[in-house]
Amino acid sequence: MPKNFILIDKKIKSFNKKIKVDGDKSLSIRWALLASQAIGTSKAKNLLRSEDVNNTLICLKKLGIKISQNKNICSIKGRGLNGFIFKKNITLNAGNSGTLGRLILSLLIKSPYKIKIVGDKSLSKRDFSRVIEPLKKIGVNFYPNSKSKLPIYIKGTNYLRPINYLEKRGSAQCKTCVMLASLNVPGVTKIIAKNSRDHTEKMFKSLKIPIKIRKSSNFDFITLSKPKILKKFDFNIPGDISSASFFIVLTLLSKNSKIILKNININSTRIGVIKILNMMGAKIKFENIKIINGERCSDIKVKSINNFKSIRCPTSLNSAAIDEFLIIFLIAARANGISYFKDLSELNQKESPRLKIAAKILKSIGVKLSFDDSSIKIYGNPNFKFQKKIVIRDFLKDHRIFMMSVISALSFGGSWQIFDPASVKTSFPSFLKKIKQIGGNLK
């Protein structure tokens, strides 16, 4: 029986590699959900084969959607808008995925029966009121009525009404939930949303769903109308920038190293990590830029550097880097000066209270810092290294905490025992394989 941890007791040696990372998770889940609402067979190349995406496909199959996977192609035979086959006593398991758990609700708003939504231990602690409340205003029923965490029951209605919705957290999940619901809501749905990733808007435009978008410096003003039909659509899914970021930071922190990450999604709402790291002294470059299905993609070229600048991180970049702050903190630990990050309360609404856990890990290896529920101040040390033993466990099996710990071990030194390697199956199943591919010594 395999052990439930890995050991790392050597820093990574210099490397010069080209690698591909797994497909973009946000695009993979959104494509699958929208393909289920289209008429005909849609196909996706390089769909992420992670637990979150697999759970999405399992949920769709339970709702009567036919799905097949052959090598690197996934085919979904959609039945059109509200084409699910609703049955009594259906239970849908979102596993660890907040994206799936929240977005699937928006496609169940005409179900004549109660459908139970469940998740794993981590997801069951997360707040669902942020999507339950707007769906209730549309006319959907939830049971128990006052409950805001999984498990919950949803029952649809034929009396749906459009709403005006204000999303002020910068949550793409909340915005997308209302957008997907609008596919079955008559009339005009209006959304004012704090700037966040815009994959759903791009997909809606490519599918010719009636959508108008006006942007300001802080908010997007979105107007939607119910489409008559969705036609099948194919998608070539690029690599995930969040997954690529672990290798970007590892390269920056390693001596005399270079890496090229092939065909990565560089959507402008997702590259906050690149902007922040370049502000801290990195010189990350995009090469071979192209547009795939409306998404901007490129190879990313990175090389190690010796001197990092501290940063007072602009909060305007928070939404575009929310999943990458854990590893940005590692750069701050090696920066010359004090780095300050604020308004990060959304980090504690993820698979685990990430800000709190990341701060705990950094303090335990000797990084000087202070933090509260929404901010962290890191006192950088350009010569920082770690030479002791440490055990990383009890982090709610959060995949990003695990991967952050691996990058820390390979960059800072010391002897690390890191539990729950299977957590990477949530978003980046080939993570450890890629680490070994560039020379990481894992036991």
Protein backbone atom coordinates (compact mmCIF):
# COMPACT_ATOMS: atom_id res chain seq x y z
CA MET A 1 0.00 0.00 0.00
CA PRO A 2 1.53 3.39 -0.99
CA LYS A 3 2.48 5.78 1.80
CA ASN A 4 0.36 8.89 2.18
CA PHE A 5 3.28 11.33 2.04
CA ILE A 6 6.39 12.21 0.08
CA LEU A 7 9.87 13.04 1.37
CA ILE A 8 12.04 15.82 -0.05
CA ASP A 9 15.47 16.36 1.47
CA LYS A 10 17.40 17.91 -1.41
CA LYS A 11 17.01 21.20 -3.23
CA ILE A 12 16.50 20.89 -6.95
CA LYS A 13 19.60 21.24 -9.14
CA SER A 14 19.89 23.62 -12.09
CA PHE A 15 17.62 22.71 -15.01
CA ASN A 16 16.78 23.84 -18.54
CA LYS A 17 13.52 22.23 -19.67
CA LYS A 18 10.44 22.52 -21.88
CA ILE A 19 7.24 21.04 -20.45
CA LYS A 20 3.48 21.01 -20.93
CA VAL A 21 1.08 21.27 -18.01
CA ASP A 22 -2.43 19.84 -17.74
CA GLY A 23 -5.45 21.52 -19.34
CA ASP A 24 -7.08 24.58 -17.81
CA LYS A 25 -9.52 23.58 -15.06
CA SER A 26 -11.80 26.62 -15.34
CA LEU A 27 -12.20 26.11 -19.08
CA SER A 28 -12.63 22.34 -18.77
CA ILE A 29 -15.53 22.57 -16.31
CA ARG A 30 -17.23 25.43 -18.13
CA TRP A 31 -16.93 23.69 -21.51
CA ALA A 32 -18.49 20.50 -20.12
CA LEU A 33 -21.43 22.33 -18.53
CA LEU A 34 -22.17 24.40 -21.63
CA ALA A 35 -21.70 21.43 -23.97
CA SER A 36 -24.41 19.62 -22.00
CA GLN A 37 -26.81 22.47 -22.90
CA ALA A 38 -25.93 22.52 -26.61
CA ILE A 39 -27.64 20.45 -29.28
CA GLY A 40 -25.38 17.82 -30.81
CA THR A 41 -21.97 16.38 -29.98
CA SER A 42 -19.32 18.83 -28.79
CA LYS A 43 -15.68 17.74 -28.54
CA ALA A 44 -12.82 18.99 -26.38
CA LYS A 45 -9.14 18.30 -26.88
CA ASN A 46 -6.81 18.26 -23.84
CA LEU A 47 -9.68 18.31 -21.32
CA LEU A 48 -8.20 18.24 -17.82
CA ARG A 49 -8.41 14.69 -16.42
CA SER A 50 -8.67 15.71 -12.79
CA GLU A 51 -11.07 14.70 -10.03
CA ASP A 52 -12.94 18.00 -10.31
CA VAL A 53 -13.53 17.54 -14.04
CA ASN A 54 -14.28 13.82 -13.69
CA ASN A 55 -16.92 14.66 -11.06
CA THR A 56 -18.41 17.17 -13.49
CA LEU A 57 -18.76 14.46 -16.15
CA ILE A 58 -20.24 12.00 -13.63
CA CYS A 59 -22.86 14.58 -12.56
CA LEU A 60 -23.81 15.24 -16.19
CA LYS A 61 -24.17 11.52 -16.87
CA LYS A 62 -26.56 11.25 -13.91
CA LEU A 63 -28.62 13.95 -15.60
CA GLY A 64 -28.95 11.91 -18.81
CA ILE A 65 -26.03 13.33 -20.83
CA LYS A 66 -24.02 10.86 -22.94
CA ILE A 67 -20.25 11.30 -22.65
CA SER A 68 -17.35 9.40 -24.18
CA GLN A 69 -13.58 9.80 -23.86
CA ASN A 70 -11.09 8.50 -26.42
CA LYS A 71 -7.39 9.24 -25.93
CA ASN A 72 -7.15 13.05 -25.74
CA ILE A 73 -10.70 13.79 -26.93
CA CYS A 74 -13.82 14.10 -24.78
CA SER A 75 -17.22 14.08 -26.54
CA ILE A 76 -20.44 15.31 -24.93
CA LYS A 77 -23.79 14.76 -26.64
CA GLY A 78 -25.92 17.67 -25.48
CA ARG A 79 -29.71 17.63 -25.38
CA GLY A 80 -30.24 21.38 -25.67
CA LEU A 81 -31.25 23.99 -23.10
CA ASN A 82 -32.88 22.38 -20.07
CA GLY A 83 -32.34 19.04 -21.79
CA PHE A 84 -31.42 17.10 -18.66
CA ILE A 85 -33.41 13.99 -17.81
CA PHE A 86 -34.62 14.77 -14.31
CA LYS A 87 -35.50 11.82 -12.09
CA LYS A 88 -36.51 11.45 -8.47
CA ASN A 89 -33.86 10.97 -5.77
CA ILE A 90 -30.85 12.15 -7.78
CA THR A 91 -27.73 12.95 -5.73
CA LEU A 92 -24.90 14.89 -7.38
CA ASN A 93 -21.47 14.76 -5.75
CA ALA A 94 -19.26 17.79 -6.44
CA GLY A 95 -16.34 16.25 -4.54
CA ASN A 96 -13.81 18.97 -3.75
CA SER A 97 -14.87 21.38 -6.50
CA GLY A 98 -16.43 24.69 -5.52
CA THR A 99 -16.68 25.55 -9.21
CA LEU A 100 -18.73 22.45 -9.99
CA GLY A 101 -20.78 22.60 -6.79
CA ARG A 102 -21.84 26.18 -7.39
CA LEU A 103 -22.21 26.21 -11.17
CA ILE A 104 -24.18 22.96 -11.50
CA LEU A 105 -26.94 24.58 -9.40
CA SER A 106 -27.58 27.12 -12.15
CA LEU A 107 -28.42 24.36 -14.65
CA LEU A 108 -30.93 22.67 -12.30
CA ILE A 109 -33.29 25.62 -11.94
CA LYS A 110 -36.14 23.92 -13.85
CA SER A 111 -35.91 20.52 -12.16
CA PRO A 112 -39.38 19.30 -11.14
CA TYR A 113 -37.84 17.19 -8.37
CA LYS A 114 -35.54 17.87 -5.46
CA ILE A 115 -31.90 17.17 -6.31
CA LYS A 116 -29.38 16.66 -3.52
CA ILE A 117 -25.96 18.31 -3.87
CA VAL A 118 -23.15 16.92 -1.71
CA GLY A 119 -19.38 17.41 -1.51
CA ASP A 120 -16.36 16.20 0.40
CA LYS A 121 -15.46 17.33 3.91
CA SER A 122 -13.63 20.41 2.67
CA LEU A 123 -16.32 21.58 0.23
CA SER A 124 -19.02 21.00 2.86
CA LYS A 125 -17.43 23.74 4.98
CA ARG A 126 -17.57 26.36 2.22
CA ASP A 127 -20.18 29.10 1.84
CA PHE A 128 -22.84 28.48 -0.81
CA SER A 129 -25.09 31.39 0.18
CA ARG A 130 -23.29 33.55 -2.36
CA VAL A 131 -24.96 31.57 -5.17
CA ILE A 132 -28.04 30.37 -3.31
CA GLU A 133 -29.30 33.92 -2.70
CA PRO A 134 -29.34 35.11 -6.34
CA LEU A 135 -30.87 31.79 -7.47
CA LYS A 136 -33.64 32.21 -4.88
CA LYS A 137 -34.39 35.65 -6.33
CA ILE A 138 -34.71 34.01 -9.74
CA GLY A 139 -37.37 31.75 -8.21
CA VAL A 140 -35.47 28.58 -7.28
CA ASN A 141 -36.19 26.70 -4.04
CA PHE A 142 -33.58 25.33 -1.62
CA TYR A 143 -34.03 22.98 1.32
CA PRO A 144 -33.50 23.50 4.21
CA ASN A 145 -34.40 27.08 3.38
CA SER A 146 -31.91 28.72 5.76
CA LYS A 147 -28.95 26.40 5.10
CA SER A 148 -25.88 27.79 3.30
CA LYS A 149 -23.54 24.78 3.23
CA LEU A 150 -23.63 21.33 1.65
CA PRO A 151 -25.46 19.03 1.63
CA ILE A 152 -28.44 20.95 0.29
CA TYR A 153 -31.43 20.20 -1.94
CA ILE A 154 -32.46 22.29 -4.92
CA LYS A 155 -35.85 22.23 -6.67
CA GLY A 156 -36.55 24.23 -9.77
CA THR A 157 -39.63 26.03 -11.04
CA ASN A 158 -41.28 26.94 -14.32
CA TYR A 159 -41.83 30.47 -13.03
CA LEU A 160 -38.35 31.93 -13.38
CA ARG A 161 -37.75 35.67 -13.43
CA PRO A 162 -34.75 37.76 -14.51
CA ILE A 163 -32.85 39.68 -11.84
CA ASN A 164 -30.45 42.56 -11.42
CA TYR A 165 -27.43 41.09 -9.62
CA LEU A 166 -24.54 42.86 -7.91
CA GLU A 167 -21.42 40.73 -7.46
CA LYS A 168 -18.92 42.68 -5.35
CA ARG A 169 -16.44 40.01 -4.23
CA GLY A 170 -14.66 39.54 -7.55
CA SER A 171 -15.87 35.93 -7.68
CA ALA A 172 -16.06 34.48 -11.19
CA GLN A 173 -18.03 31.52 -9.79
CA CYS A 174 -20.84 33.75 -8.50
CA LYS A 175 -20.98 35.76 -11.71
CA THR A 176 -20.94 32.61 -13.86
CA CYS A 177 -23.69 30.98 -11.79
CA VAL A 178 -26.10 33.82 -12.64
CA MET A 179 -24.90 33.85 -16.26
CA LEU A 180 -25.57 30.12 -16.69
CA ALA A 181 -28.96 30.48 -15.01
CA SER A 182 -29.87 33.17 -17.56
CA LEU A 183 -29.81 30.48 -20.28
CA ASN A 184 -33.21 29.34 -19.00
CA VAL A 185 -34.61 32.62 -17.65
CA PRO A 186 -36.95 34.69 -19.85
CA GLY A 187 -36.36 38.41 -20.19
CA VAL A 188 -33.18 40.37 -19.54
CA THR A 189 -30.70 39.49 -16.76
CA LYS A 190 -28.40 42.31 -15.66
CA ILE A 191 -25.15 41.81 -13.74
CA ILE A 192 -22.77 44.31 -12.22
CA ALA A 193 -19.68 42.30 -11.28
CA LYS A 194 -16.37 43.25 -9.74
CA ASN A 195 -13.60 42.45 -12.21
CA SER A 196 -12.80 38.70 -12.28
CA ARG A 197 -11.84 36.01 -14.80
CA ASP A 198 -13.97 36.23 -17.93
CA HIS A 199 -13.87 32.73 -19.43
CA THR A 200 -17.66 32.44 -19.33
CA GLU A 201 -18.15 35.73 -21.16
CA LYS A 202 -15.78 34.59 -23.91
CA MET A 203 -17.61 31.26 -24.25
CA PHE A 204 -21.00 33.03 -24.39
CA LYS A 205 -19.74 35.30 -27.17
CA SER A 206 -18.33 32.38 -29.16
CA LEU A 207 -21.68 30.59 -28.84
CA LYS A 208 -23.54 33.73 -29.97
CA ILE A 209 -25.53 33.89 -26.74
CA PRO A 210 -27.08 37.40 -26.51
CA ILE A 211 -24.63 39.21 -24.24
CA LYS A 212 -23.48 42.81 -23.93
CA ILE A 213 -20.52 43.84 -21.78
CA ARG A 214 -19.41 47.29 -20.71
CA LYS A 215 -16.25 47.54 -18.64
CA SER A 216 -15.11 50.12 -16.10
CA SER A 217 -11.92 50.18 -14.04
CA ASN A 218 -13.45 48.08 -11.25
CA PHE A 219 -16.69 46.54 -12.52
CA ASP A 220 -18.14 44.81 -15.56
CA PHE A 221 -21.72 45.62 -16.60
CA ILE A 222 -23.24 42.55 -18.26
CA THR A 223 -26.63 42.25 -19.94
CA LEU A 224 -27.93 38.81 -20.96
CA SER A 225 -30.96 37.44 -22.80
CA LYS A 226 -32.14 33.85 -23.07
CA PRO A 227 -30.87 32.28 -26.32
CA LYS A 228 -33.17 30.31 -28.61
CA ILE A 229 -30.65 27.50 -29.06
CA LEU A 230 -27.05 26.54 -28.33
CA LYS A 231 -25.17 24.81 -31.13
CA LYS A 232 -22.52 22.18 -30.49
CA PHE A 233 -18.98 23.55 -30.17
CA ASP A 234 -15.47 22.12 -30.07
CA PHE A 235 -12.73 23.40 -27.80
CA ASN A 236 -8.95 23.01 -27.77
CA ILE A 237 -8.14 23.57 -24.10
CA PRO A 238 -4.76 25.20 -23.36
CA GLY A 239 -2.58 24.60 -20.31
CA ASP A 240 -3.64 26.04 -16.95
CA ILE A 241 -1.80 29.21 -15.85
CA SER A 242 -2.39 28.27 -12.19
CA SER A 243 -0.63 24.94 -12.71
CA ALA A 244 2.15 26.57 -14.73
CA SER A 245 2.75 29.10 -11.94
CA PHE A 246 4.26 26.48 -9.62
CA PHE A 247 6.98 25.82 -12.19
CA ILE A 248 7.43 29.53 -12.88
CA VAL A 249 8.16 30.19 -9.19
CA LEU A 250 10.36 27.09 -8.83
CA THR A 251 12.45 28.28 -11.78
CA LEU A 252 12.75 31.82 -10.41
CA LEU A 253 13.94 30.50 -7.03
CA SER A 254 16.38 27.92 -8.44
CA LYS A 255 19.98 28.65 -9.44
CA ASN A 256 20.92 29.00 -13.12
CA SER A 257 17.65 27.48 -14.36
CA LYS A 258 15.36 28.03 -17.33
CA ILE A 259 12.00 26.67 -18.38
CA ILE A 260 9.57 27.04 -21.27
CA LEU A 261 5.96 26.15 -20.52
CA LYS A 262 4.14 25.27 -23.72
CA ASN A 263 0.72 26.59 -24.82
CA ILE A 264 -0.58 28.19 -21.62
CA ASN A 265 -3.81 30.17 -21.27
CA ILE A 266 -2.79 33.81 -20.69
CA ASN A 267 -6.28 35.32 -20.50
CA SER A 268 -5.83 38.88 -19.20
CA THR A 269 -8.02 38.12 -16.16
CA ARG A 270 -5.73 35.23 -15.15
CA ILE A 271 -2.20 36.63 -15.42
CA GLY A 272 -2.06 38.65 -12.22
CA VAL A 273 0.68 36.29 -11.05
CA ILE A 274 2.85 37.21 -14.05
CA LYS A 275 2.32 40.94 -13.49
CA ILE A 276 3.12 40.66 -9.78
CA LEU A 277 6.24 38.54 -10.29
CA ASN A 278 7.54 40.89 -12.98
CA MET A 279 6.99 43.79 -10.58
CA MET A 280 9.17 41.86 -8.12
CA GLY A 281 12.03 41.61 -10.59
CA ALA A 282 11.22 38.60 -12.78
CA LYS A 283 11.44 38.93 -16.53
CA ILE A 284 8.80 36.42 -17.61
CA LYS A 285 8.11 36.49 -21.35
CA PHE A 286 5.27 35.34 -23.60
CA GLU A 287 6.26 33.75 -26.91
CA ASN A 288 4.25 32.34 -29.85
CA ILE A 289 1.09 34.17 -28.81
CA LYS A 290 -2.11 32.92 -30.47
CA ILE A 291 -5.89 32.99 -29.97
CA ILE A 292 -7.62 29.63 -29.38
CA ASN A 293 -11.42 29.63 -29.04
CA GLY A 294 -11.28 33.30 -28.07
CA GLU A 295 -8.67 32.67 -25.36
CA ARG A 296 -5.19 34.20 -25.59
CA CYS A 297 -2.51 31.51 -25.28
CA SER A 298 1.28 31.39 -25.50
CA ASP A 299 4.47 29.69 -24.44
CA ILE A 300 5.89 31.16 -21.22
CA LYS A 301 9.66 31.61 -20.92
CA VAL A 302 11.22 31.93 -17.46
CA LYS A 303 14.74 32.05 -16.06
CA SER A 304 16.03 32.25 -12.50
CA ILE A 305 17.09 35.54 -10.98
CA ASN A 306 19.18 36.45 -7.95
CA ASN A 307 17.49 39.58 -6.64
CA PHE A 308 13.78 39.98 -5.92
CA LYS A 309 12.14 43.31 -5.09
CA SER A 310 9.62 43.59 -2.27
CA ILE A 311 6.14 44.70 -3.25
CA ARG A 312 3.12 46.47 -1.85
CA CYS A 313 0.81 44.44 -4.01
CA PRO A 314 -1.92 46.43 -5.79
CA THR A 315 -5.32 45.06 -4.73
CA SER A 316 -6.48 45.56 -8.31
CA LEU A 317 -4.48 42.41 -9.15
CA ASN A 318 -5.98 40.25 -6.38
CA SER A 319 -8.75 38.66 -8.42
CA ALA A 320 -6.43 37.85 -11.32
CA ALA A 321 -3.97 36.09 -8.98
CA ILE A 322 -6.14 34.69 -6.20
CA ASP A 323 -5.09 31.05 -6.76
CA GLU A 324 -1.41 31.93 -7.06
CA PHE A 325 -0.76 34.02 -3.94
CA LEU A 326 0.51 31.00 -2.01
CA ILE A 327 3.55 30.76 -4.26
CA ILE A 328 3.92 34.52 -4.71
CA PHE A 329 4.50 34.51 -0.93
CA LEU A 330 7.56 32.28 -1.52
CA ILE A 331 9.11 34.94 -3.74
CA ALA A 332 8.32 37.56 -1.08
CA ALA A 333 10.22 35.43 1.48
CA ARG A 334 13.36 35.87 -0.66
CA ALA A 335 12.74 39.50 -1.60
CA ASN A 336 14.83 42.44 -0.44
CA GLY A 337 12.49 44.29 1.90
CA ILE A 338 8.96 44.01 3.26
CA SER A 339 6.12 42.83 1.02
CA TYR A 340 2.51 43.57 1.88
CA PHE A 341 -0.62 41.88 0.50
CA LYS A 342 -4.11 42.93 1.62
CA ASP A 343 -7.82 42.35 0.94
CA LEU A 344 -7.21 38.60 0.56
CA SER A 345 -10.17 37.33 2.61
CA GLU A 346 -11.30 35.39 -0.47
CA LEU A 347 -8.26 33.12 0.05
CA ASN A 348 -9.94 31.76 3.17
CA GLN A 349 -13.05 30.83 1.14
CA LYS A 350 -11.14 28.23 -0.89
CA GLU A 351 -10.59 24.50 -0.24
CA SER A 352 -8.96 25.45 3.06
CA PRO A 353 -8.31 28.72 4.93
CA ARG A 354 -5.31 29.18 2.64
CA LEU A 355 -4.03 32.49 3.97
CA LYS A 356 -3.94 31.16 7.52
CA ILE A 357 -2.32 27.83 6.56
CA ALA A 358 0.26 29.40 4.24
CA ALA A 359 1.27 31.87 6.97
CA LYS A 360 1.60 28.99 9.45
CA ILE A 361 3.86 27.03 7.09
CA LEU A 362 6.05 30.04 6.30
CA LYS A 363 6.44 30.91 10.00
CA SER A 364 7.34 27.31 10.83
CA ILE A 365 10.28 27.38 8.42
CA GLY A 366 11.57 30.69 9.74
CA VAL A 367 10.01 33.33 7.48
CA LYS A 368 9.31 36.49 9.47
CA LEU A 369 5.74 37.71 8.90
CA SER A 370 2.55 39.05 10.40
CA PHE A 371 -0.98 38.40 9.20
CA ASP A 372 -4.68 38.63 9.94
CA ASP A 373 -7.84 37.32 8.24
CA SER A 374 -7.32 39.34 5.08
CA SER A 375 -3.70 40.51 4.87
CA ILE A 376 -0.12 39.37 5.26
CA LYS A 377 3.18 41.23 5.66
CA ILE A 378 6.31 39.27 4.77
CA TYR A 379 9.77 40.42 5.81
CA GLY A 380 11.95 39.16 2.99
CA ASN A 381 15.48 37.78 3.32
CA PRO A 382 17.44 37.40 0.05
CA ASN A 383 19.61 34.74 1.72
CA PHE A 384 16.75 32.78 3.23
CA LYS A 385 17.18 29.01 3.39
CA PHE A 386 15.84 26.22 5.57
CA GLN A 387 17.93 23.40 7.06
CA LYS A 388 15.68 21.64 9.57
CA LYS A 389 12.99 18.96 9.39
CA ILE A 390 9.32 19.77 8.94
CA VAL A 391 6.09 17.80 8.57
CA ILE A 392 3.22 19.30 6.54
CA ARG A 393 -0.16 17.72 7.28
CA ASP A 394 -3.70 18.57 8.40
CA PHE A 395 -4.29 21.11 5.62
CA LEU A 396 -7.69 19.65 4.59
CA LYS A 397 -5.99 17.91 1.64
CA ASP A 398 -5.84 21.21 -0.24
CA HIS A 399 -4.03 20.59 -3.53
CA ARG A 400 -2.50 24.06 -3.70
CA ILE A 401 -1.14 23.88 -0.14
CA PHE A 402 0.48 20.55 -1.04
CA MET A 403 2.05 21.94 -4.22
CA MET A 404 3.22 25.10 -2.44
CA SER A 405 4.97 22.89 0.11
CA VAL A 406 6.72 20.89 -2.63
CA ILE A 407 8.00 24.07 -4.29
CA SER A 408 9.15 25.37 -0.89
CA ALA A 409 11.08 22.17 -0.17
CA LEU A 410 12.80 22.13 -3.56
CA SER A 411 13.66 25.85 -3.33
CA PHE A 412 14.58 26.48 0.32
CA GLY A 413 16.11 23.17 1.41
CA GLY A 414 15.63 21.20 4.60
CA SER A 415 13.92 17.85 5.03
CA TRP A 416 10.20 17.87 4.27
CA GLN A 417 7.58 15.20 4.91
CA ILE A 418 4.51 16.34 2.99
CA PHE A 419 1.24 14.44 3.40
CA ASP A 420 -1.62 13.80 0.97
CA PRO A 421 0.11 13.74 -2.44
CA ALA A 422 -3.17 12.43 -3.91
CA SER A 423 -4.65 15.90 -3.38
CA VAL A 424 -3.10 17.02 -6.69
CA LYS A 425 -5.64 14.87 -8.52
CA THR A 426 -8.10 17.70 -7.88
CA SER A 427 -6.47 20.08 -10.35
CA PHE A 428 -3.07 18.89 -11.60
CA PRO A 429 -2.76 15.08 -11.69
CA SER A 430 0.63 15.10 -13.43
CA PHE A 431 2.24 17.58 -10.99
CA LEU A 432 4.66 15.17 -9.32
CA LYS A 433 5.51 13.56 -12.66
CA LYS A 434 6.43 16.98 -14.05
CA ILE A 435 8.51 17.76 -10.93
CA LYS A 436 10.52 14.60 -11.50
CA GLN A 437 10.79 15.44 -15.21
CA ILE A 438 12.73 18.63 -14.43
CA GLY A 439 14.95 16.94 -11.83
CA GLY A 440 13.09 17.10 -8.51
CA ASN A 441 14.20 14.36 -6.11
CA LEU A 442 11.06 12.93 -4.51
CA LYS A 443 10.96 9.91 -2.22
